[in-house]
Amino acid sequence: MPRRSTGSRVAVTEDLVARWTSAEWRDQAHGWIRDRVRVTGPIEESKVRFWSVVLKVPVDGGWAWFKENAPSQAFEAGLVAAIDRIAPGRVAPVLGVDADRGWLLTADLGTPLGERRPEDDEAAAAELADLVLAWSSLQRGLVRHEAAMRGARVPAFEDWHAMPYAVALADHLAGLPEGDGRRLSSQDRRLVDDGLQRLGQASARLEASGIPDSLEHNDLHLWNAFRGPTGATSFIDLGDAVWSHPFASWRIALWITRSNLGFGPGSAPYERIVDAGLEPWTDLAPREELRAVLSAAERLSCLHRAESWRRLMADVPVECIPADWLDAPASWLLSAVAEDPYVDAMSD
């Protein structure tokens, strides 16, 4: 198998889809699942992509879900188990976990909020406000559990690291050979240089804000959220998560509000979402002071996405990555340094 250099060690890349669809892997995974729950029918392959595999498991009364991520995001299993212990009901109940292998078995949460989108745009924006408030409240509570989160191996992305990270990623992508879909063109490399000052200013603003880091979901949207019978919101898909500035988590909700619903900054639906996210943090500073750092967090969030894609692509040989995804790290890097990070932002 191809190998990639990771500093002092050499890691092996692997065609993960081939492994996850092999009879050997299926036997191991199915056996592990059957040791933890009573399976009442055939285990189904729900999704298999180069970054994860999800199996749908029939059990008494409904379904359970099994997931394994690519190595760089295998921490999700231990992270979900830790949150389930700290804040029961805020993630899918854990039925089984093997943190070393990144295997996670959880109970079904029902229908994601994304399938219940209201037809009215203002009502849809209100749903996003509820989503952001629920996640922000969980973040606020997780601040005091940093040791448990770090112990679950969730990667950290500190504010001060934004500029050196952007330079290092730009150098790496620009150094890839011609014809590589991940490559950053010389013109785009200059755009990164031109925007570094914006990134540096954002980084400094976040550093000075005094807002503590917490769990940044890094893929927070209505399809990754569920509302239980008590009204509490639960969350899934934490493989992209980072321990970083909490306000970065709201990017997708605000992007959807701007691009899909047509409510921009200053509109009542948009500002309702911002206020919802800020609410759990108002004990630290006045609301307007908190609001002043949001644009900086949004810029940083683009780097979080760039890093998520970079590490996933480092887990597999490049020929295993669908062509449509290859430019994702470069695109997010360019968004992070653009005059307006939302102009070319992607919602996935």
Protein backbone atom coordinates (compact mmCIF):
# COMPACT_ATOMS: atom_id res chain seq x y z
CA MET A 1 0.00 0.00 0.00
CA PRO A 2 1.16 3.59 -0.56
CA ARG A 3 2.74 5.34 2.36
CA ARG A 4 2.72 8.94 3.45
CA SER A 5 5.16 10.84 5.62
CA THR A 6 3.77 12.26 8.87
CA GLY A 7 6.79 13.82 10.50
CA SER A 8 8.66 11.27 12.57
CA ARG A 9 6.53 8.32 11.52
CA VAL A 10 5.30 6.77 8.31
CA ALA A 11 1.60 5.99 8.09
CA VAL A 12 -0.02 3.55 5.72
CA THR A 13 -2.79 4.69 3.41
CA GLU A 14 -5.40 2.17 2.37
CA ASP A 15 -8.35 1.79 0.02
CA LEU A 16 -10.88 1.94 2.85
CA VAL A 17 -13.91 1.27 0.68
CA ALA A 18 -12.31 -1.98 -0.47
CA ARG A 19 -11.67 -2.97 3.14
CA TRP A 20 -15.15 -2.05 4.34
CA THR A 21 -16.78 -4.06 1.57
CA SER A 22 -14.61 -7.13 2.07
CA ALA A 23 -16.00 -10.35 3.49
CA GLU A 24 -13.30 -10.41 6.19
CA TRP A 25 -14.20 -6.96 7.53
CA ARG A 26 -17.92 -7.67 7.38
CA ASP A 27 -17.50 -10.87 9.37
CA GLN A 28 -15.52 -9.04 12.05
CA ALA A 29 -17.87 -6.05 12.26
CA HIS A 30 -21.05 -8.13 12.18
CA GLY A 31 -19.70 -10.43 14.87
CA TRP A 32 -18.79 -7.45 17.08
CA ILE A 33 -22.27 -5.99 16.60
CA ARG A 34 -24.00 -9.29 17.42
CA ASP A 35 -22.01 -9.53 20.66
CA ARG A 36 -23.58 -6.22 21.78
CA VAL A 37 -27.17 -6.25 20.57
CA ARG A 38 -29.72 -8.85 19.54
CA VAL A 39 -29.87 -8.57 15.76
CA THR A 40 -33.29 -9.47 14.35
CA GLY A 41 -32.56 -9.48 10.62
CA PRO A 42 -29.93 -8.86 7.94
CA ILE A 43 -27.47 -6.06 8.70
CA GLU A 44 -27.64 -3.51 5.88
CA GLU A 45 -24.92 -1.36 4.36
CA SER A 46 -26.35 2.15 4.66
CA LYS A 47 -23.42 4.25 3.41
CA VAL A 48 -19.85 3.52 2.41
CA ARG A 49 -17.60 6.35 1.30
CA PHE A 50 -13.89 6.87 1.40
CA TRP A 51 -14.18 8.56 4.81
CA SER A 52 -16.64 6.25 6.66
CA VAL A 53 -18.93 3.25 6.58
CA VAL A 54 -22.37 3.11 8.23
CA LEU A 55 -24.37 -0.07 8.80
CA LYS A 56 -28.07 -0.23 9.64
CA VAL A 57 -28.74 -2.93 12.22
CA PRO A 58 -32.27 -4.32 12.83
CA VAL A 59 -32.92 -4.80 16.55
CA ASP A 60 -35.96 -5.33 18.75
CA GLY A 61 -38.24 -2.35 18.33
CA GLY A 62 -36.34 -0.66 15.52
CA TRP A 63 -32.77 -0.02 14.44
CA ALA A 64 -29.25 0.53 15.69
CA TRP A 65 -26.42 2.14 13.75
CA PHE A 66 -22.80 1.06 13.39
CA LYS A 67 -20.10 3.42 12.15
CA GLU A 68 -16.38 3.27 11.46
CA ASN A 69 -14.47 6.33 10.28
CA ALA A 70 -11.22 6.71 8.39
CA PRO A 71 -8.21 6.62 10.75
CA SER A 72 -7.87 10.40 11.11
CA GLN A 73 -11.46 10.62 12.36
CA ALA A 74 -11.63 7.38 14.30
CA PHE A 75 -11.71 9.48 17.48
CA GLU A 76 -15.46 9.99 16.95
CA ALA A 77 -16.30 6.70 18.67
CA GLY A 78 -14.57 7.65 21.91
CA LEU A 79 -15.80 11.24 21.69
CA VAL A 80 -19.45 10.23 21.37
CA ALA A 81 -19.06 7.80 24.27
CA ALA A 82 -17.55 10.57 26.41
CA ILE A 83 -20.37 13.01 25.62
CA ASP A 84 -22.96 10.30 26.26
CA ARG A 85 -21.52 9.94 29.77
CA ILE A 86 -21.24 13.68 30.43
CA ALA A 87 -24.46 14.88 28.80
CA PRO A 88 -26.88 11.96 28.29
CA GLY A 89 -29.46 12.60 25.61
CA ARG A 90 -27.34 15.03 23.59
CA VAL A 91 -25.85 12.34 21.33
CA ALA A 92 -27.21 9.00 20.19
CA PRO A 93 -27.20 6.55 23.13
CA VAL A 94 -24.12 4.35 22.90
CA LEU A 95 -24.74 0.61 22.69
CA GLY A 96 -21.14 -0.37 22.05
CA VAL A 97 -17.79 1.28 21.48
CA ASP A 98 -14.26 0.18 20.58
CA ALA A 99 -12.26 3.39 20.66
CA ASP A 100 -9.07 1.70 19.46
CA ARG A 101 -10.73 0.53 16.25
CA GLY A 102 -13.04 3.53 16.01
CA TRP A 103 -16.13 1.31 16.10
CA LEU A 104 -19.34 2.88 17.37
CA LEU A 105 -22.79 1.33 17.80
CA THR A 106 -25.64 3.65 18.75
CA ALA A 107 -29.39 3.60 19.18
CA ASP A 108 -31.63 5.09 16.52
CA LEU A 109 -32.81 8.66 17.11
CA GLY A 110 -35.66 8.68 14.62
CA THR A 111 -36.10 11.25 11.85
CA PRO A 112 -33.47 13.97 11.40
CA LEU A 113 -34.69 17.54 11.60
CA GLY A 114 -33.60 18.04 8.00
CA GLU A 115 -36.47 15.85 6.83
CA ARG A 116 -38.98 18.08 8.58
CA ARG A 117 -38.04 21.39 6.97
CA PRO A 118 -40.96 23.85 7.11
CA GLU A 119 -42.11 25.27 3.80
CA ASP A 120 -42.10 28.79 5.20
CA ASP A 121 -38.61 30.33 5.09
CA GLU A 122 -38.99 32.21 8.37
CA ALA A 123 -40.05 29.03 10.11
CA ALA A 124 -37.03 27.27 8.59
CA ALA A 125 -34.77 30.01 9.96
CA ALA A 126 -36.39 29.60 13.38
CA GLU A 127 -35.57 25.88 13.23
CA LEU A 128 -31.94 26.79 12.56
CA ALA A 129 -31.99 29.16 15.53
CA ASP A 130 -33.20 26.33 17.76
CA LEU A 131 -30.44 24.10 16.38
CA VAL A 132 -27.72 26.67 17.08
CA LEU A 133 -29.04 27.36 20.59
CA ALA A 134 -29.09 23.65 21.44
CA TRP A 135 -25.54 23.08 20.19
CA SER A 136 -24.20 26.25 21.78
CA SER A 137 -25.72 25.24 25.12
CA LEU A 138 -24.01 21.86 24.89
CA GLN A 139 -20.72 23.57 24.01
CA ARG A 140 -21.00 25.84 27.04
CA GLY A 141 -21.37 22.83 29.29
CA LEU A 142 -18.47 20.96 27.68
CA VAL A 143 -15.99 23.76 28.43
CA ARG A 144 -15.40 22.35 31.90
CA HIS A 145 -14.88 18.86 30.46
CA GLU A 146 -11.90 19.71 28.25
CA ALA A 147 -9.80 16.92 29.80
CA ALA A 148 -12.39 14.32 28.83
CA MET A 149 -12.69 15.73 25.31
CA ARG A 150 -8.91 15.79 24.82
CA GLY A 151 -8.77 12.33 26.34
CA ALA A 152 -11.10 11.19 23.56
CA ARG A 153 -8.43 12.44 21.12
CA VAL A 154 -10.53 15.13 19.48
CA PRO A 155 -7.99 17.29 17.59
CA ALA A 156 -7.38 20.86 18.72
CA PHE A 157 -7.14 23.90 16.46
CA GLU A 158 -5.97 26.92 18.42
CA ASP A 159 -6.71 30.45 17.26
CA TRP A 160 -3.05 31.49 17.04
CA HIS A 161 -2.34 28.59 14.67
CA ALA A 162 -4.50 29.96 11.85
CA MET A 163 -1.83 31.84 9.88
CA PRO A 164 0.99 29.28 10.08
CA TYR A 165 -1.50 26.54 9.28
CA ALA A 166 -2.77 28.39 6.20
CA VAL A 167 0.77 28.98 4.94
CA ALA A 168 1.77 25.36 5.49
CA LEU A 169 -1.34 24.02 3.76
CA ALA A 170 -0.91 26.43 0.84
CA ASP A 171 2.71 25.37 0.42
CA HIS A 172 1.72 21.71 0.49
CA LEU A 173 -1.11 22.06 -2.01
CA ALA A 174 0.88 24.29 -4.33
CA GLY A 175 3.70 21.76 -4.32
CA LEU A 176 1.56 18.92 -5.64
CA PRO A 177 2.23 17.89 -9.24
CA GLU A 178 0.40 19.30 -12.23
CA GLY A 179 -2.79 17.34 -12.89
CA ASP A 180 -3.38 16.53 -9.22
CA GLY A 181 -6.92 17.70 -8.46
CA ARG A 182 -5.87 18.82 -4.98
CA ARG A 183 -3.24 21.20 -6.31
CA LEU A 184 -3.40 24.92 -5.55
CA SER A 185 -2.62 26.95 -8.66
CA SER A 186 0.05 29.65 -8.59
CA GLN A 187 -2.68 32.28 -8.96
CA ASP A 188 -4.61 30.89 -6.01
CA ARG A 189 -1.39 30.62 -4.02
CA ARG A 190 -1.00 34.39 -4.44
CA LEU A 191 -4.58 34.88 -3.27
CA VAL A 192 -3.71 33.05 -0.07
CA ASP A 193 -0.76 35.38 0.49
CA ASP A 194 -2.93 38.40 -0.22
CA GLY A 195 -5.48 37.31 2.37
CA LEU A 196 -3.17 36.27 5.18
CA GLN A 197 -3.50 39.63 6.90
CA ARG A 198 -7.27 39.13 7.16
CA LEU A 199 -6.69 35.74 8.71
CA GLY A 200 -4.13 37.14 11.12
CA GLN A 201 -6.52 39.87 12.25
CA ALA A 202 -9.27 37.32 12.79
CA SER A 203 -6.94 35.09 14.77
CA ALA A 204 -5.84 37.98 16.99
CA ARG A 205 -9.45 39.02 17.63
CA LEU A 206 -10.37 35.51 18.73
CA GLU A 207 -7.31 35.26 20.96
CA ALA A 208 -8.21 38.53 22.66
CA SER A 209 -11.87 37.65 23.14
CA GLY A 210 -11.30 35.48 26.20
CA ILE A 211 -14.01 33.06 25.06
CA PRO A 212 -12.88 29.54 26.02
CA ASP A 213 -12.52 26.83 23.42
CA SER A 214 -15.08 24.06 23.25
CA LEU A 215 -16.23 21.34 20.91
CA GLU A 216 -16.70 22.71 17.39
CA HIS A 217 -18.99 20.34 15.52
CA ASN A 218 -17.60 21.43 12.13
CA ASP A 219 -20.60 19.97 10.27
CA LEU A 220 -23.61 21.28 12.17
CA HIS A 221 -26.84 21.20 10.19
CA LEU A 222 -30.38 19.90 10.50
CA TRP A 223 -29.57 16.50 8.98
CA ASN A 224 -27.16 15.87 11.86
CA ALA A 225 -29.70 16.73 14.55
CA PHE A 226 -32.77 15.07 16.04
CA ARG A 227 -35.45 16.15 18.49
CA GLY A 228 -36.52 13.61 21.05
CA PRO A 229 -39.88 13.18 22.79
CA THR A 230 -38.83 15.56 25.59
CA GLY A 231 -37.97 18.30 23.10
CA ALA A 232 -34.21 18.05 23.65
CA THR A 233 -31.98 18.12 20.56
CA SER A 234 -29.43 15.35 19.99
CA PHE A 235 -26.51 15.41 17.57
CA ILE A 236 -24.64 12.92 15.39
CA ASP A 237 -21.67 12.89 12.97
CA LEU A 238 -18.85 14.27 15.12
CA GLY A 239 -16.01 12.93 12.99
CA ASP A 240 -15.16 16.42 11.71
CA ALA A 241 -15.12 17.94 15.19
CA VAL A 242 -12.28 20.01 16.58
CA TRP A 243 -11.60 21.56 19.97
CA SER A 244 -11.52 25.22 19.04
CA HIS A 245 -13.48 28.46 19.13
CA PRO A 246 -17.14 27.56 19.75
CA PHE A 247 -18.64 30.25 17.52
CA ALA A 248 -17.16 28.58 14.42
CA SER A 249 -19.87 25.91 14.65
CA TRP A 250 -22.63 28.20 13.39
CA ARG A 251 -21.19 28.75 9.91
CA ILE A 252 -23.43 26.28 8.05
CA ALA A 253 -26.63 27.55 9.69
CA LEU A 254 -25.76 31.13 8.79
CA TRP A 255 -24.65 30.16 5.28
CA ILE A 256 -27.96 28.38 4.66
CA THR A 257 -29.85 31.37 6.02
CA ARG A 258 -28.01 33.71 3.66
CA SER A 259 -27.88 31.59 0.52
CA ASN A 260 -30.94 29.33 0.67
CA LEU A 261 -33.46 31.33 2.69
CA GLY A 262 -32.44 34.79 1.53
CA PHE A 263 -32.05 36.36 4.99
CA GLY A 264 -28.80 38.29 5.31
CA PRO A 265 -27.11 40.01 8.24
CA GLY A 266 -29.40 42.61 9.75
CA SER A 267 -32.58 40.71 8.95
CA ALA A 268 -34.64 39.50 11.88
CA PRO A 269 -34.37 35.74 11.05
CA TYR A 270 -30.58 35.96 10.63
CA GLU A 271 -30.04 37.96 13.81
CA ARG A 272 -32.28 35.53 15.71
CA ILE A 273 -29.85 32.73 14.86
CA VAL A 274 -26.87 34.81 15.96
CA ASP A 275 -28.57 35.74 19.24
CA ALA A 276 -29.44 32.08 19.86
CA GLY A 277 -25.81 31.06 19.52
CA LEU A 278 -24.59 33.88 21.73
CA GLU A 279 -27.10 33.34 24.53
CA PRO A 280 -25.21 30.62 26.49
CA TRP A 281 -22.06 32.78 26.51
CA THR A 282 -23.54 36.07 27.73
CA ASP A 283 -22.25 35.43 31.25
CA LEU A 284 -18.75 36.06 29.88
CA ALA A 285 -19.28 39.38 28.09
CA PRO A 286 -22.03 41.68 26.84
CA ARG A 287 -23.86 40.38 23.80
CA GLU A 288 -22.47 43.05 21.48
CA GLU A 289 -18.88 42.22 22.48
CA LEU A 290 -19.55 38.58 21.71
CA ARG A 291 -21.18 39.47 18.42
CA ALA A 292 -18.08 41.42 17.38
CA VAL A 293 -15.95 38.26 17.22
CA LEU A 294 -18.39 36.19 15.17
CA SER A 295 -16.98 37.18 11.78
CA ALA A 296 -13.52 36.15 12.93
CA ALA A 297 -14.84 32.75 14.03
CA GLU A 298 -16.57 32.27 10.70
CA ARG A 299 -13.25 32.81 8.92
CA LEU A 300 -11.53 30.31 11.20
CA SER A 301 -14.29 27.77 10.53
CA CYS A 302 -13.19 27.58 6.90
CA LEU A 303 -9.78 26.36 8.04
CA HIS A 304 -11.46 23.74 10.20
CA ARG A 305 -13.16 22.39 7.07
CA ALA A 306 -9.93 22.55 5.09
CA GLU A 307 -8.16 20.53 7.75
CA SER A 308 -10.95 17.98 7.98
CA TRP A 309 -10.71 17.29 4.23
CA ARG A 310 -6.91 17.35 4.26
CA ARG A 311 -6.63 14.71 6.93
CA LEU A 312 -9.26 12.48 5.32
CA MET A 313 -7.48 12.65 1.97
CA ALA A 314 -4.24 11.70 3.68
CA ASP A 315 -5.86 8.45 4.86
CA VAL A 316 -6.35 6.98 1.38
CA PRO A 317 -4.49 6.80 -1.94
CA VAL A 318 -5.44 9.75 -4.10
CA GLU A 319 -7.00 7.48 -6.73
CA CYS A 320 -9.60 6.44 -4.13
CA ILE A 321 -10.94 10.00 -3.80
CA PRO A 322 -13.80 10.96 -6.15
CA ALA A 323 -12.73 13.79 -8.44
CA ASP A 324 -15.50 16.08 -7.20
CA TRP A 325 -13.97 16.18 -3.74
CA LEU A 326 -10.31 16.70 -4.59
CA ASP A 327 -10.31 20.49 -4.50
CA ALA A 328 -12.10 20.73 -1.13
CA PRO A 329 -9.02 21.63 1.00
CA ALA A 330 -7.96 24.32 -1.48
CA SER A 331 -11.49 25.74 -1.76
CA TRP A 332 -11.90 26.05 1.98
CA LEU A 333 -8.44 27.58 2.33
CA LEU A 334 -9.35 30.23 -0.25
CA SER A 335 -12.62 30.94 1.58
CA ALA A 336 -10.69 31.46 4.82
CA VAL A 337 -8.60 34.26 3.32
CA ALA A 338 -11.23 35.78 1.00
CA GLU A 339 -12.63 39.23 1.58
CA ASP A 340 -15.97 37.53 2.28
CA PRO A 341 -15.56 33.92 3.50
CA TYR A 342 -19.13 33.16 2.45
CA VAL A 343 -18.78 33.99 -1.23
CA ASP A 344 -17.54 30.55 -2.30
CA ALA A 345 -18.41 28.68 0.89
CA MET A 346 -19.73 25.13 0.63
CA SER A 347 -22.41 23.80 2.95
CA ASP A 348 -21.19 20.22 3.25
